C-alpha atoms as a PDB file:
ATOM      1  CA  MET A   1      65.830  -7.250 -58.833  1.00  0.00           C
ATOM      2  CA  ALA A   2      67.400  -5.403 -61.759  1.00  0.00           C
ATOM      3  CA  PRO A   3      70.691  -3.590 -61.035  1.00  0.00           C
ATOM      4  CA  ASN A   4      70.416   0.114 -60.264  1.00  0.00           C
ATOM      5  CA  PRO A   5      73.148   1.844 -62.317  1.00  0.00           C
ATOM      6  CA  LYS A   6      72.969   5.024 -60.222  1.00  0.00           C
ATOM      7  CA  LYS A   7      73.516   3.048 -57.034  1.00  0.00           C
ATOM      8  CA  ILE A   8      76.396   1.141 -58.609  1.00  0.00           C
ATOM      9  CA  ALA A   9      78.183   4.346 -59.645  1.00  0.00           C
ATOM     10  CA  GLY A  10      77.448   6.210 -56.416  1.00  0.00           C
ATOM     11  CA  GLU A  11      78.694   3.453 -54.156  1.00  0.00           C
ATOM     12  CA  ARG A  12      81.838   2.896 -56.235  1.00  0.00           C
ATOM     13  CA  ALA A  13      82.794   6.568 -55.940  1.00  0.00           C
ATOM     14  CA  THR A  14      82.912   6.347 -52.163  1.00  0.00           C
ATOM     15  CA  ASP A  15      85.842   3.913 -52.455  1.00  0.00           C
ATOM     16  CA  TYR A  16      87.989   6.956 -53.247  1.00  0.00           C
ATOM     17  CA  VAL A  17      87.229   8.493 -49.842  1.00  0.00           C
ATOM     18  CA  ALA A  18      89.760   7.917 -47.070  1.00  0.00           C
ATOM     19  CA  HIS A  19      90.225   8.959 -43.448  1.00  0.00           C
ATOM     20  CA  ASP A  20      90.536  12.666 -42.656  1.00  0.00           C
ATOM     21  CA  MET A  21      89.364  13.842 -46.073  1.00  0.00           C
ATOM     22  CA  ILE A  22      87.177  16.848 -46.758  1.00  0.00           C
ATOM     23  CA  VAL A  23      84.461  15.521 -49.052  1.00  0.00           C
ATOM     24  CA  GLY A  24      82.087  17.443 -51.288  1.00  0.00           C
ATOM     25  CA  LEU A  25      78.571  16.009 -51.304  1.00  0.00           C
ATOM     26  CA  GLY A  26      76.797  16.388 -54.611  1.00  0.00           C
ATOM     27  CA  THR A  27      73.107  16.862 -55.244  1.00  0.00           C
ATOM     28  CA  GLY A  28      70.638  14.677 -57.097  1.00  0.00           C
ATOM     29  CA  SER A  29      69.347  11.149 -57.473  1.00  0.00           C
ATOM     30  CA  THR A  30      72.769   9.582 -58.135  1.00  0.00           C
ATOM     31  CA  ALA A  31      74.646  11.549 -55.473  1.00  0.00           C
ATOM     32  CA  TYR A  32      72.016  10.318 -53.011  1.00  0.00           C
ATOM     33  CA  PHE A  33      73.455   6.796 -53.163  1.00  0.00           C
ATOM     34  CA  ALA A  34      76.968   8.069 -52.512  1.00  0.00           C
ATOM     35  CA  ILE A  35      75.804   9.996 -49.457  1.00  0.00           C
ATOM     36  CA  VAL A  36      74.002   6.953 -48.086  1.00  0.00           C
ATOM     37  CA  ARG A  37      77.071   4.777 -48.627  1.00  0.00           C
ATOM     38  CA  LEU A  38      79.356   7.297 -46.913  1.00  0.00           C
ATOM     39  CA  ALA A  39      77.071   7.185 -43.890  1.00  0.00           C
ATOM     40  CA  GLU A  40      77.322   3.395 -43.884  1.00  0.00           C
ATOM     41  CA  ARG A  41      81.125   3.592 -43.996  1.00  0.00           C
ATOM     42  CA  ILE A  42      81.120   6.031 -41.073  1.00  0.00           C
ATOM     43  CA  ARG A  43      79.100   3.531 -39.035  1.00  0.00           C
ATOM     44  CA  GLU A  44      80.886   0.383 -40.176  1.00  0.00           C
ATOM     45  CA  GLU A  45      84.488   1.606 -40.447  1.00  0.00           C
ATOM     46  CA  SER A  46      84.505   4.657 -38.153  1.00  0.00           C
ATOM     47  CA  LEU A  47      85.448   6.631 -41.261  1.00  0.00           C
ATOM     48  CA  ARG A  48      86.691  10.085 -40.260  1.00  0.00           C
ATOM     49  CA  ILE A  49      85.544  12.688 -42.768  1.00  0.00           C
ATOM     50  CA  ARG A  50      83.988  16.121 -42.885  1.00  0.00           C
ATOM     51  CA  CYS A  51      81.716  17.060 -45.740  1.00  0.00           C
ATOM     52  CA  VAL A  52      80.740  20.180 -47.662  1.00  0.00           C
ATOM     53  CA  PRO A  53      77.218  19.830 -49.114  1.00  0.00           C
ATOM     54  CA  THR A  54      76.338  21.414 -52.452  1.00  0.00           C
ATOM     55  CA  SER A  55      72.701  22.066 -51.526  1.00  0.00           C
ATOM     56  CA  GLU A  56      70.406  22.381 -48.564  1.00  0.00           C
ATOM     57  CA  ARG A  57      68.779  19.135 -49.679  1.00  0.00           C
ATOM     58  CA  SER A  58      72.059  17.235 -49.467  1.00  0.00           C
ATOM     59  CA  ALA A  59      72.907  18.939 -46.175  1.00  0.00           C
ATOM     60  CA  THR A  60      69.603  17.785 -44.674  1.00  0.00           C
ATOM     61  CA  LEU A  61      70.129  14.212 -45.850  1.00  0.00           C
ATOM     62  CA  ALA A  62      73.678  14.167 -44.463  1.00  0.00           C
ATOM     63  CA  ARG A  63      72.553  15.436 -41.073  1.00  0.00           C
ATOM     64  CA  GLU A  64      69.789  12.813 -40.934  1.00  0.00           C
ATOM     65  CA  LEU A  65      72.374  10.112 -41.638  1.00  0.00           C
ATOM     66  CA  GLY A  66      74.883  11.395 -39.103  1.00  0.00           C
ATOM     67  CA  ILE A  67      77.524  12.671 -41.548  1.00  0.00           C
ATOM     68  CA  PRO A  68      79.690  15.463 -40.070  1.00  0.00           C
ATOM     69  CA  LEU A  69      79.451  18.690 -42.069  1.00  0.00           C
ATOM     70  CA  THR A  70      81.757  21.657 -42.473  1.00  0.00           C
ATOM     71  CA  SER A  71      81.836  24.802 -44.612  1.00  0.00           C
ATOM     72  CA  PHE A  72      84.220  27.182 -46.341  1.00  0.00           C
ATOM     73  CA  ALA A  73      84.265  29.207 -43.162  1.00  0.00           C
ATOM     74  CA  GLU A  74      86.352  26.352 -41.736  1.00  0.00           C
ATOM     75  CA  VAL A  75      88.113  24.765 -44.745  1.00  0.00           C
ATOM     76  CA  LEU A  76      89.677  26.254 -47.861  1.00  0.00           C
ATOM     77  CA  HIS A  77      89.808  23.202 -50.110  1.00  0.00           C
ATOM     78  CA  VAL A  78      88.053  19.891 -50.726  1.00  0.00           C
ATOM     79  CA  ASP A  79      89.930  16.627 -51.236  1.00  0.00           C
ATOM     80  CA  VAL A  80      87.289  14.848 -53.294  1.00  0.00           C
ATOM     81  CA  THR A  81      83.778  15.680 -54.458  1.00  0.00           C
ATOM     82  CA  ILE A  82      81.223  13.123 -55.616  1.00  0.00           C
ATOM     83  CA  ASP A  83      78.500  14.551 -57.813  1.00  0.00           C
ATOM     84  CA  GLY A  84      76.216  13.667 -60.694  1.00  0.00           C
ATOM     85  CA  ALA A  85      75.581  15.294 -64.064  1.00  0.00           C
ATOM     86  CA  ASP A  86      72.763  15.705 -66.544  1.00  0.00           C
ATOM     87  CA  GLU A  87      75.061  15.211 -69.541  1.00  0.00           C
ATOM     88  CA  VAL A  88      78.716  14.224 -70.009  1.00  0.00           C
ATOM     89  CA  ASP A  89      80.677  14.406 -73.280  1.00  0.00           C
ATOM     90  CA  PRO A  90      83.896  12.499 -74.106  1.00  0.00           C
ATOM     91  CA  ALA A  91      86.007  15.573 -73.219  1.00  0.00           C
ATOM     92  CA  PHE A  92      84.547  15.572 -69.685  1.00  0.00           C
ATOM     93  CA  ASN A  93      82.473  18.697 -70.312  1.00  0.00           C
ATOM     94  CA  LEU A  94      79.284  18.528 -68.274  1.00  0.00           C
ATOM     95  CA  ILE A  95      75.819  19.984 -68.086  1.00  0.00           C
ATOM     96  CA  LYS A  96      74.608  20.203 -64.503  1.00  0.00           C
ATOM     97  CA  GLY A  97      71.885  22.053 -62.674  1.00  0.00           C
ATOM     98  CA  GLY A  98      68.767  20.054 -63.375  1.00  0.00           C
ATOM     99  CA  GLY A  99      68.190  20.073 -59.629  1.00  0.00           C
ATOM    100  CA  GLY A 100      68.934  23.781 -59.359  1.00  0.00           C
ATOM    101  CA  ALA A 101      72.148  23.476 -57.318  1.00  0.00           C
ATOM    102  CA  LEU A 102      74.609  24.409 -60.069  1.00  0.00           C
ATOM    103  CA  LEU A 103      76.228  27.412 -58.343  1.00  0.00           C
ATOM    104  CA  ARG A 104      77.176  25.588 -55.158  1.00  0.00           C
ATOM    105  CA  GLU A 105      78.097  22.501 -57.169  1.00  0.00           C
ATOM    106  CA  LYS A 106      80.506  24.529 -59.303  1.00  0.00           C
ATOM    107  CA  PHE A 107      81.891  26.361 -56.270  1.00  0.00           C
ATOM    108  CA  VAL A 108      82.677  23.085 -54.506  1.00  0.00           C
ATOM    109  CA  ALA A 109      84.003  21.482 -57.703  1.00  0.00           C
ATOM    110  CA  SER A 110      86.384  24.382 -58.275  1.00  0.00           C
ATOM    111  CA  ALA A 111      87.765  23.923 -54.749  1.00  0.00           C
ATOM    112  CA  SER A 112      88.254  20.161 -55.158  1.00  0.00           C
ATOM    113  CA  ASP A 113      91.459  18.258 -55.836  1.00  0.00           C
ATOM    114  CA  THR A 114      89.385  15.448 -57.361  1.00  0.00           C
ATOM    115  CA  GLU A 115      85.928  15.750 -58.910  1.00  0.00           C
ATOM    116  CA  LEU A 116      84.248  12.357 -59.346  1.00  0.00           C
ATOM    117  CA  ILE A 117      81.227  12.450 -61.650  1.00  0.00           C
ATOM    118  CA  ILE A 118      78.803   9.561 -61.212  1.00  0.00           C
ATOM    119  CA  VAL A 119      76.245   8.834 -63.931  1.00  0.00           C
ATOM    120  CA  ASP A 120      74.264   6.100 -65.584  1.00  0.00           C
ATOM    121  CA  GLU A 121      74.905   5.381 -69.256  1.00  0.00           C
ATOM    122  CA  SER A 122      71.970   7.531 -70.430  1.00  0.00           C
ATOM    123  CA  LYS A 123      73.913  10.674 -69.450  1.00  0.00           C
ATOM    124  CA  LEU A 124      76.752   9.990 -71.918  1.00  0.00           C
ATOM    125  CA  LYS A 125      76.532  12.185 -75.029  1.00  0.00           C
ATOM    126  CA  GLN A 126      78.825  12.818 -77.975  1.00  0.00           C
ATOM    127  CA  ARG A 127      77.866  16.495 -77.802  1.00  0.00           C
ATOM    128  CA  LEU A 128      76.178  18.447 -75.022  1.00  0.00           C
ATOM    129  CA  GLY A 129      72.880  20.205 -75.601  1.00  0.00           C
ATOM    130  CA  ALA A 130      69.998  17.724 -75.606  1.00  0.00           C
ATOM    131  CA  PHE A 131      69.368  18.669 -71.969  1.00  0.00           C
ATOM    132  CA  PRO A 132      68.387  22.360 -71.632  1.00  0.00           C
ATOM    133  CA  LEU A 133      71.241  24.295 -70.054  1.00  0.00           C
ATOM    134  CA  PRO A 134      70.348  25.728 -66.608  1.00  0.00           C
ATOM    135  CA  VAL A 135      71.507  29.300 -66.050  1.00  0.00           C
ATOM    136  CA  GLU A 136      71.230  30.881 -62.599  1.00  0.00           C
ATOM    137  CA  VAL A 137      70.272  34.569 -62.732  1.00  0.00           C
ATOM    138  CA  VAL A 138      69.578  37.286 -60.183  1.00  0.00           C
ATOM    139  CA  PRO A 139      65.865  38.066 -59.732  1.00  0.00           C
ATOM    140  CA  PHE A 140      66.343  41.786 -60.429  1.00  0.00           C
ATOM    141  CA  GLY A 141      65.771  42.335 -64.133  1.00  0.00           C
ATOM    142  CA  TRP A 142      65.710  38.646 -64.990  1.00  0.00           C
ATOM    143  CA  GLN A 143      63.539  39.445 -68.008  1.00  0.00           C
ATOM    144  CA  MET A 144      66.371  41.537 -69.466  1.00  0.00           C
ATOM    145  CA  THR A 145      68.856  38.762 -68.726  1.00  0.00           C
ATOM    146  CA  ARG A 146      66.598  36.311 -70.536  1.00  0.00           C
ATOM    147  CA  GLU A 147      66.602  38.531 -73.633  1.00  0.00           C
ATOM    148  CA  ARG A 148      70.393  38.787 -73.550  1.00  0.00           C
ATOM    149  CA  LEU A 149      70.656  35.012 -73.358  1.00  0.00           C
ATOM    150  CA  ARG A 150      68.230  34.652 -76.250  1.00  0.00           C
ATOM    151  CA  ASP A 151      70.542  36.909 -78.254  1.00  0.00           C
ATOM    152  CA  LEU A 152      73.188  34.191 -77.823  1.00  0.00           C
ATOM    153  CA  GLY A 153      70.959  31.834 -79.804  1.00  0.00           C
ATOM    154  CA  CYS A 154      68.842  29.921 -77.325  1.00  0.00           C
ATOM    155  CA  ASP A 155      65.258  29.449 -76.258  1.00  0.00           C
ATOM    156  CA  ALA A 156      65.415  30.593 -72.619  1.00  0.00           C
ATOM    157  CA  ARG A 157      62.525  29.488 -70.421  1.00  0.00           C
ATOM    158  CA  PHE A 158      61.829  30.596 -66.864  1.00  0.00           C
ATOM    159  CA  ARG A 159      61.829  27.660 -64.453  1.00  0.00           C
ATOM    160  CA  SER A 160      58.835  27.399 -62.163  1.00  0.00           C
ATOM    161  CA  SER A 161      57.629  24.915 -59.574  1.00  0.00           C
ATOM    162  CA  ASP A 162      53.927  24.489 -58.797  1.00  0.00           C
ATOM    163  CA  SER A 163      53.181  27.694 -60.733  1.00  0.00           C
ATOM    164  CA  ALA A 164      55.622  29.668 -58.577  1.00  0.00           C
ATOM    165  CA  PRO A 165      59.165  30.721 -59.489  1.00  0.00           C
ATOM    166  CA  PHE A 166      61.797  28.090 -58.767  1.00  0.00           C
ATOM    167  CA  VAL A 167      64.160  29.723 -56.282  1.00  0.00           C
ATOM    168  CA  THR A 168      67.657  28.347 -55.724  1.00  0.00           C
ATOM    169  CA  ASP A 169      69.297  27.941 -52.323  1.00  0.00           C
ATOM    170  CA  ASN A 170      71.011  31.246 -53.099  1.00  0.00           C
ATOM    171  CA  GLY A 171      67.734  33.114 -53.654  1.00  0.00           C
ATOM    172  CA  ASN A 172      68.111  33.288 -57.431  1.00  0.00           C
ATOM    173  CA  TYR A 173      66.083  32.147 -60.456  1.00  0.00           C
ATOM    174  CA  ILE A 174      66.873  29.558 -63.130  1.00  0.00           C
ATOM    175  CA  LEU A 175      66.485  30.001 -66.878  1.00  0.00           C
ATOM    176  CA  ASP A 176      66.577  26.722 -68.831  1.00  0.00           C
ATOM    177  CA  CYS A 177      68.252  27.496 -72.135  1.00  0.00           C
ATOM    178  CA  SER A 178      67.959  25.259 -75.191  1.00  0.00           C
ATOM    179  CA  PHE A 179      70.913  25.934 -77.513  1.00  0.00           C
ATOM    180  CA  GLY A 180      70.731  22.713 -79.492  1.00  0.00           C
ATOM    181  CA  VAL A 181      74.086  21.022 -80.035  1.00  0.00           C
ATOM    182  CA  ILE A 182      76.832  22.853 -78.136  1.00  0.00           C
ATOM    183  CA  GLU A 183      79.945  22.672 -80.303  1.00  0.00           C
ATOM    184  CA  ASP A 184      82.310  24.512 -77.930  1.00  0.00           C
ATOM    185  CA  PRO A 185      81.173  24.185 -74.298  1.00  0.00           C
ATOM    186  CA  PRO A 186      84.058  26.171 -72.696  1.00  0.00           C
ATOM    187  CA  ALA A 187      83.519  29.107 -75.069  1.00  0.00           C
ATOM    188  CA  LEU A 188      79.755  29.140 -74.472  1.00  0.00           C
ATOM    189  CA  GLU A 189      80.323  28.919 -70.721  1.00  0.00           C
ATOM    190  CA  ARG A 190      82.535  32.024 -70.827  1.00  0.00           C
ATOM    191  CA  GLU A 191      80.039  33.901 -72.969  1.00  0.00           C
ATOM    192  CA  ILE A 192      77.086  33.117 -70.711  1.00  0.00           C
ATOM    193  CA  VAL A 193      78.912  33.864 -67.458  1.00  0.00           C
ATOM    194  CA  GLY A 194      79.986  37.203 -68.942  1.00  0.00           C
ATOM    195  CA  THR A 195      76.346  38.218 -69.468  1.00  0.00           C
ATOM    196  CA  CYS A 196      75.082  40.850 -67.036  1.00  0.00           C
ATOM    197  CA  GLY A 197      72.561  39.350 -64.615  1.00  0.00           C
ATOM    198  CA  VAL A 198      73.965  35.822 -64.864  1.00  0.00           C
ATOM    199  CA  VAL A 199      75.354  34.329 -61.662  1.00  0.00           C
ATOM    200  CA  ASP A 200      76.672  31.144 -63.295  1.00  0.00           C
ATOM    201  CA  CYS A 201      75.652  28.454 -65.762  1.00  0.00           C
ATOM    202  CA  GLY A 202      75.453  24.679 -65.787  1.00  0.00           C
ATOM    203  CA  ILE A 203      78.323  24.061 -68.204  1.00  0.00           C
ATOM    204  CA  PHE A 204      81.204  22.585 -66.203  1.00  0.00           C
ATOM    205  CA  SER A 205      84.379  22.473 -68.290  1.00  0.00           C
ATOM    206  CA  GLY A 206      87.789  21.504 -66.975  1.00  0.00           C
ATOM    207  CA  LEU A 207      86.517  20.399 -63.557  1.00  0.00           C
ATOM    208  CA  ALA A 208      85.757  16.660 -63.791  1.00  0.00           C
ATOM    209  CA  THR A 209      88.727  14.366 -63.160  1.00  0.00           C
ATOM    210  CA  ARG A 210      87.050  10.945 -63.347  1.00  0.00           C
ATOM    211  CA  ILE A 211      83.746   9.726 -64.771  1.00  0.00           C
ATOM    212  CA  ILE A 212      82.189   6.688 -63.076  1.00  0.00           C
ATOM    213  CA  ILE A 213      79.450   5.060 -65.155  1.00  0.00           C
ATOM    214  CA  GLY A 214      76.967   2.540 -63.813  1.00  0.00           C
ATOM    215  CA  ARG A 215      75.281   0.402 -66.449  1.00  0.00           C
ATOM    216  CA  SER A 216      71.904  -1.309 -66.455  1.00  0.00           C
ATOM    217  CA  ASP A 217      73.524  -4.755 -66.801  1.00  0.00           C
ATOM    218  CA  GLY A 218      75.250  -4.234 -63.442  1.00  0.00           C
ATOM    219  CA  SER A 219      78.675  -3.435 -64.886  1.00  0.00           C
ATOM    220  CA  LEU A 220      80.810  -0.420 -64.103  1.00  0.00           C
ATOM    221  CA  GLU A 221      83.080   1.720 -66.266  1.00  0.00           C
ATOM    222  CA  GLU A 222      85.545   4.396 -65.192  1.00  0.00           C
ATOM    223  CA  ARG A 223      87.108   7.024 -67.418  1.00  0.00           C
ATOM    224  CA  ALA A 224      90.125   8.968 -66.190  1.00  0.00           C
ATOM    225  CA  GLU A 225      91.367  10.621 -69.388  1.00  0.00           C
ATOM    226  CA  PRO A 226      89.158  13.026 -71.335  1.00  0.00           C
ATOM    227  CA  GLU A 227      89.184  12.780 -75.121  1.00  0.00           C
ATOM    228  CA  LYS A 228      89.548  15.636 -77.562  1.00  0.00           C
ATOM    229  CA  LEU A 229      86.352  16.441 -79.396  1.00  0.00           C
ATOM    230  CA  ALA A 230      86.648  16.147 -83.157  1.00  0.00           C
END
């Protein structure tokens, strides 16, 4: 059987989890493998952890696997979060939100001492922007918000699922915005988040602390120091 690079990266990230940690559980197909492995460690090693899920989907999976959960009503910081990304550049800027969980993912990331990003090699990009940037917006007046985002230079498309609006766990909508190559991710992030009607966007700058890359040949690479973009 061919190696699964997502599984390789997800399982490796769980090695950074130790007893009595508060752990952020990411969302998506790569984070799935980390959640499964954490459950195995709880059973095999009696690993003592409490976890903050970044989506209802991850919360449901964790409960099914017997992983203890907590929330920001009980804790004020997270020791380590394990999450995926849709794109990663050499400076550790990310695009996230393909699964629609970007707001909770960014909230948990911002509360984390360590943010581990697990990806396969296809997610590595020299510049962000090939993947349309998800932007979470409030339902009220979303059409106006879309026009304001288009004024920033993108093609903003309303996300739907089975011909119905895609609704996030927070009750909001998603606009998928194609900007082309994003030359300055932190600046664009600030500009988008400052747009009336926007809740948050899928650019994550300054949050990732380590990138764990699973490769199709079964090898693993870890990057701990972001590069400066030329």
